[in-house]
Amino acid sequence: MIKAVFFDLDDTLLWDQKSVQEAFAATCQLAEEKYGIPTDELEKAVRQEATLLYASYETYEFTRMIGINPFEGLWGNFSDDHESFRKLKEIIPTYRKEAWTRGLKQFGINDEGFGYTLAEQFPLERRNHPFVYEDTFTILEHLKGNYKLLLLTNGSPDLQNTKLTITPELAPYFDHIVISGAFGIGKPDSSIFEHALQTIRVSSNEAIMVGDNLMTDILGASRAGMKSVWINRDNKEKTHVVPDYEIHHLEELLPIVDILNKALQK
């Protein structure tokens, strides 16, 4: 019998990609107004520079393990009580300024002051643009009270909790929230899934994992012996990681839970 449903956060319940895109658009608009740089071209340049810079720092392996991407580095504070987070917090102000300044340089603009202005504006815009998928609250309303709900998310506790703070309706649905940065290792490592199962007091065959990322959510669930549901909203290509179920809208989860319960009752 299925007793618990685990959900990923970013791009499963929260539409993080859209939030980041809107923040880039609003921030890059300032550069278009000042220097005439097309917003989409500057966004592409800054994303490129940010990705390269991010990988050059000593904190990179830690951020990969915890699951913090370069664009989260452009707006997170990382005020977490851990040595690696403290190092990351020290690096972040320079990283942000450099990413935006180097992005401008791709268009022949050498203006560190303006790079700093854009670097400071982006976090404000990201916080001002929280998006939740339309089907998120519908599915949580259906499940709440009938199943234990656990949020299992990679990232910095400070940043992930910020995302939940600016979408305050979301957290109350969950019985437990497990964040990789607090646990010490991220998805797809099976240990964080096992920790989540112990936290919510169910066995691996009594819980399912719902997430958008094959290489973290689905692979990790498989390693932990859990059934997995891949939410593939954008018709992404499949990889060697095979989910137990694939859906395109969260409402499709309900009949899957019913099927699993009937199968387990036999």
Protein backbone atom coordinates (compact mmCIF):
# COMPACT_ATOMS: atom_id res chain seq x y z
CA MET A 1 0.00 0.00 0.00
CA ILE A 2 1.32 3.44 -0.91
CA LYS A 3 1.45 5.53 2.25
CA ALA A 4 3.70 8.43 1.19
CA VAL A 5 4.43 10.58 -1.84
CA PHE A 6 7.78 12.35 -2.20
CA PHE A 7 7.99 15.42 -4.42
CA ASP A 8 10.93 17.26 -5.88
CA LEU A 9 10.62 21.07 -5.68
CA ASP A 10 12.29 22.90 -8.58
CA ASP A 11 10.56 22.44 -11.94
CA THR A 12 8.26 19.83 -10.42
CA LEU A 13 6.10 21.99 -8.14
CA LEU A 14 7.81 25.36 -8.54
CA TRP A 15 8.39 26.61 -12.10
CA ASP A 16 11.98 27.64 -11.38
CA GLN A 17 13.06 27.84 -15.03
CA LYS A 18 10.41 30.47 -15.72
CA SER A 19 11.32 32.41 -12.58
CA VAL A 20 14.97 32.55 -13.63
CA GLN A 21 14.08 33.45 -17.21
CA GLU A 22 11.81 36.31 -16.07
CA ALA A 23 14.52 37.57 -13.72
CA PHE A 24 17.05 37.57 -16.56
CA ALA A 25 14.62 39.39 -18.86
CA ALA A 26 13.91 42.13 -16.31
CA THR A 27 17.60 42.56 -15.41
CA CYS A 28 18.86 42.49 -18.99
CA GLN A 29 16.28 45.12 -19.88
CA LEU A 30 18.39 47.62 -17.93
CA ALA A 31 21.34 46.87 -20.21
CA GLU A 32 19.20 47.23 -23.30
CA GLU A 33 18.03 50.64 -22.11
CA LYS A 34 21.57 51.80 -21.28
CA TYR A 35 23.65 50.18 -24.02
CA GLY A 36 21.19 48.80 -26.58
CA ILE A 37 22.17 45.17 -25.97
CA PRO A 38 19.29 42.82 -26.88
CA THR A 39 18.00 41.21 -23.68
CA ASP A 40 18.04 37.63 -24.97
CA GLU A 41 21.61 37.96 -26.24
CA LEU A 42 22.91 39.32 -22.93
CA GLU A 43 21.06 36.58 -21.05
CA LYS A 44 22.78 33.96 -23.21
CA ALA A 45 26.18 35.59 -22.62
CA VAL A 46 25.74 35.85 -18.84
CA ARG A 47 24.50 32.27 -18.57
CA GLN A 48 27.59 31.16 -20.50
CA GLU A 49 30.00 33.20 -18.38
CA ALA A 50 28.29 32.18 -15.13
CA THR A 51 28.53 28.49 -15.99
CA LEU A 52 32.25 28.74 -16.80
CA LEU A 53 33.06 30.81 -13.71
CA TYR A 54 31.03 28.59 -11.40
CA ALA A 55 32.98 25.52 -12.49
CA SER A 56 36.30 27.26 -11.82
CA TYR A 57 35.83 27.71 -8.06
CA GLU A 58 37.01 25.33 -5.34
CA THR A 59 33.40 25.00 -4.18
CA TYR A 60 32.27 23.47 -7.49
CA GLU A 61 32.41 19.81 -6.47
CA PHE A 62 30.50 20.60 -3.28
CA THR A 63 27.80 22.48 -5.19
CA ARG A 64 27.49 19.58 -7.64
CA MET A 65 27.13 17.09 -4.79
CA ILE A 66 24.47 19.19 -3.04
CA GLY A 67 22.77 20.18 -6.29
CA ILE A 68 23.19 23.96 -6.56
CA ASN A 69 23.33 25.24 -10.14
CA PRO A 70 25.17 28.35 -11.45
CA PHE A 71 21.98 30.39 -11.78
CA GLU A 72 21.04 29.77 -8.16
CA GLY A 73 24.49 31.14 -7.39
CA LEU A 74 23.44 34.39 -9.07
CA TRP A 75 20.76 35.05 -6.44
CA GLY A 76 21.20 32.85 -3.35
CA ASN A 77 22.72 34.10 -0.09
CA PHE A 78 23.92 30.68 1.18
CA SER A 79 23.86 31.71 4.84
CA ASP A 80 24.14 28.09 5.92
CA ASP A 81 26.16 26.75 8.83
CA HIS A 82 28.66 24.59 6.98
CA GLU A 83 32.28 25.27 6.02
CA SER A 84 31.68 24.78 2.29
CA PHE A 85 28.63 27.05 2.38
CA ARG A 86 30.72 29.69 4.15
CA LYS A 87 33.30 29.48 1.37
CA LEU A 88 30.54 29.73 -1.21
CA LYS A 89 29.08 32.79 0.51
CA GLU A 90 32.50 34.48 0.35
CA ILE A 91 32.86 33.74 -3.35
CA ILE A 92 29.32 34.67 -4.45
CA PRO A 93 29.54 38.50 -4.54
CA THR A 94 32.60 38.38 -6.82
CA TYR A 95 31.08 35.58 -8.88
CA ARG A 96 27.90 37.55 -9.55
CA LYS A 97 29.71 40.75 -10.49
CA GLU A 98 32.16 38.88 -12.72
CA ALA A 99 29.44 36.90 -14.50
CA TRP A 100 27.53 40.04 -15.44
CA THR A 101 30.66 42.10 -16.19
CA ARG A 102 32.05 39.39 -18.47
CA GLY A 103 28.68 39.09 -20.14
CA LEU A 104 28.79 42.80 -20.95
CA LYS A 105 32.33 42.44 -22.28
CA GLN A 106 31.09 40.04 -24.94
CA PHE A 107 29.40 43.11 -26.45
CA GLY A 108 32.43 45.38 -26.09
CA ILE A 109 31.15 47.02 -22.90
CA ASN A 110 33.77 47.33 -20.15
CA ASP A 111 31.73 48.70 -17.25
CA GLU A 112 32.36 47.00 -13.90
CA GLY A 113 30.11 49.44 -12.08
CA PHE A 114 27.16 48.54 -14.27
CA GLY A 115 28.08 44.87 -13.98
CA TYR A 116 27.73 45.27 -10.22
CA THR A 117 24.37 47.03 -10.67
CA LEU A 118 23.03 44.15 -12.76
CA ALA A 119 24.45 41.58 -10.31
CA GLU A 120 22.56 43.27 -7.47
CA GLN A 121 19.34 43.61 -9.49
CA PHE A 122 19.07 39.97 -10.53
CA PRO A 123 18.44 38.59 -7.00
CA LEU A 124 15.70 41.19 -6.47
CA GLU A 125 14.04 40.23 -9.74
CA ARG A 126 14.27 36.50 -8.98
CA ARG A 127 12.55 37.01 -5.64
CA ASN A 128 9.88 39.11 -7.33
CA HIS A 129 9.07 36.40 -9.88
CA PRO A 130 7.97 33.21 -8.09
CA PHE A 131 5.97 30.86 -10.28
CA VAL A 132 4.09 27.72 -9.29
CA TYR A 133 2.65 25.29 -11.84
CA GLU A 134 -1.13 25.44 -12.17
CA ASP A 135 -1.53 21.76 -11.29
CA THR A 136 0.65 21.90 -8.16
CA PHE A 137 -2.01 22.86 -5.64
CA THR A 138 -4.64 20.69 -7.33
CA ILE A 139 -2.61 17.53 -6.80
CA LEU A 140 -1.50 18.46 -3.29
CA GLU A 141 -5.11 19.12 -2.27
CA HIS A 142 -6.09 15.66 -3.50
CA LEU A 143 -3.23 13.92 -1.70
CA LYS A 144 -3.13 15.84 1.59
CA GLY A 145 -4.77 13.89 4.38
CA ASN A 146 -4.76 10.64 2.43
CA TYR A 147 -0.99 10.23 2.15
CA LYS A 148 2.08 11.43 3.99
CA LEU A 149 3.75 14.10 1.87
CA LEU A 150 7.48 14.79 1.86
CA LEU A 151 9.41 17.41 -0.09
CA LEU A 152 12.82 16.11 -1.15
CA THR A 153 14.91 18.83 -2.74
CA ASN A 154 18.54 19.39 -3.66
CA GLY A 155 20.15 22.68 -2.73
CA SER A 156 21.14 25.09 0.00
CA PRO A 157 18.71 25.12 2.96
CA ASP A 158 18.87 28.92 2.97
CA LEU A 159 17.99 29.18 -0.71
CA GLN A 160 15.38 26.41 -0.82
CA ASN A 161 13.66 27.87 2.23
CA THR A 162 13.73 31.28 0.54
CA LYS A 163 11.87 29.76 -2.41
CA LEU A 164 9.29 28.36 0.01
CA THR A 165 9.03 31.69 1.84
CA ILE A 166 8.13 33.57 -1.34
CA THR A 167 5.53 30.89 -2.18
CA PRO A 168 4.11 30.50 1.35
CA GLU A 169 1.11 28.38 0.32
CA LEU A 170 3.33 25.40 -0.54
CA ALA A 171 5.15 24.28 2.62
CA PRO A 172 2.03 23.65 4.78
CA TYR A 173 1.06 20.72 2.54
CA PHE A 174 4.15 18.76 3.59
CA ASP A 175 4.67 16.63 6.67
CA HIS A 176 8.44 16.82 6.23
CA ILE A 177 10.93 18.77 4.11
CA VAL A 178 14.35 17.24 3.41
CA ILE A 179 17.00 19.47 1.82
CA SER A 180 20.27 18.01 0.56
CA GLY A 181 22.43 20.82 1.96
CA ALA A 182 21.17 20.06 5.46
CA PHE A 183 21.56 16.30 5.04
CA GLY A 184 25.06 16.53 3.55
CA ILE A 185 24.63 14.86 0.18
CA GLY A 186 22.13 15.25 -2.64
CA LYS A 187 20.04 13.19 -5.03
CA PRO A 188 20.70 10.73 -6.69
CA ASP A 189 22.63 9.29 -3.74
CA SER A 190 20.42 6.61 -2.23
CA SER A 191 21.27 7.69 1.33
CA ILE A 192 19.16 10.85 1.16
CA PHE A 193 16.17 8.81 -0.03
CA GLU A 194 16.72 6.29 2.76
CA HIS A 195 16.94 9.17 5.24
CA ALA A 196 13.65 10.57 3.90
CA LEU A 197 11.98 7.16 4.23
CA GLN A 198 13.17 6.86 7.83
CA THR A 199 12.04 10.41 8.56
CA ILE A 200 8.50 9.77 7.38
CA ARG A 201 8.52 6.17 8.74
CA VAL A 202 7.61 4.19 5.67
CA SER A 203 9.41 1.48 3.71
CA SER A 204 10.66 1.89 0.16
CA ASN A 205 7.71 -0.02 -1.30
CA GLU A 206 5.25 2.23 0.56
CA ALA A 207 6.42 5.48 -1.08
CA ILE A 208 6.78 6.91 -4.57
CA MET A 209 9.01 9.69 -5.85
CA VAL A 210 7.75 12.37 -8.24
CA GLY A 211 10.30 14.57 -9.99
CA ASP A 212 11.34 16.18 -13.26
CA ASN A 213 15.00 15.11 -13.32
CA LEU A 214 15.89 11.62 -14.54
CA MET A 215 19.47 11.85 -13.27
CA THR A 216 18.60 12.90 -9.71
CA ASP A 217 14.97 12.20 -8.78
CA ILE A 218 14.36 9.07 -10.83
CA LEU A 219 17.82 7.50 -10.59
CA GLY A 220 17.96 8.10 -6.85
CA ALA A 221 14.52 6.63 -6.26
CA SER A 222 15.49 3.55 -8.26
CA ARG A 223 18.67 3.12 -6.20
CA ALA A 224 16.61 3.30 -3.02
CA GLY A 225 14.11 0.70 -4.26
CA MET A 226 11.26 3.18 -4.66
CA LYS A 227 8.78 3.48 -7.50
CA SER A 228 9.35 6.64 -9.54
CA VAL A 229 7.15 9.00 -11.53
CA TRP A 230 8.83 11.27 -14.07
CA ILE A 231 6.97 14.54 -14.65
CA ASN A 232 8.02 15.36 -18.21
CA ARG A 233 6.23 18.63 -18.90
CA ASP A 234 8.43 19.67 -21.82
CA ASN A 235 8.71 16.35 -23.68
CA LYS A 236 12.37 15.93 -22.82
CA GLU A 237 14.24 13.11 -24.45
CA LYS A 238 14.59 9.90 -22.49
CA THR A 239 17.99 8.67 -21.30
CA HIS A 240 19.29 5.34 -20.03
CA VAL A 241 17.50 6.07 -16.74
CA VAL A 242 14.01 4.60 -17.01
CA PRO A 243 11.21 5.75 -14.68
CA ASP A 244 8.45 3.41 -13.59
CA TYR A 245 5.89 5.93 -14.89
CA GLU A 246 5.99 9.02 -17.07
CA ILE A 247 3.40 11.81 -16.85
CA HIS A 248 3.01 15.24 -18.42
CA HIS A 249 0.68 16.81 -15.83
CA LEU A 250 0.59 16.21 -12.10
CA GLU A 251 -3.09 15.22 -12.18
CA GLU A 252 -1.98 12.06 -13.98
CA LEU A 253 -0.38 10.95 -10.72
CA LEU A 254 -3.70 10.04 -9.06
CA PRO A 255 -4.60 7.03 -11.24
CA ILE A 256 -1.01 5.77 -10.91
CA VAL A 257 -1.30 5.77 -7.11
CA ASP A 258 -4.62 3.92 -7.44
CA ILE A 259 -3.05 1.31 -9.75
CA LEU A 260 -0.14 0.77 -7.36
CA ASN A 261 -2.44 0.41 -4.37
CA LYS A 262 -4.60 -2.15 -6.16
CA ALA A 263 -1.52 -4.11 -7.27
CA LEU A 264 -0.04 -4.12 -3.76
CA GLN A 265 -3.33 -5.25 -2.22
CA LYS A 266 -3.41 -8.41 -4.33
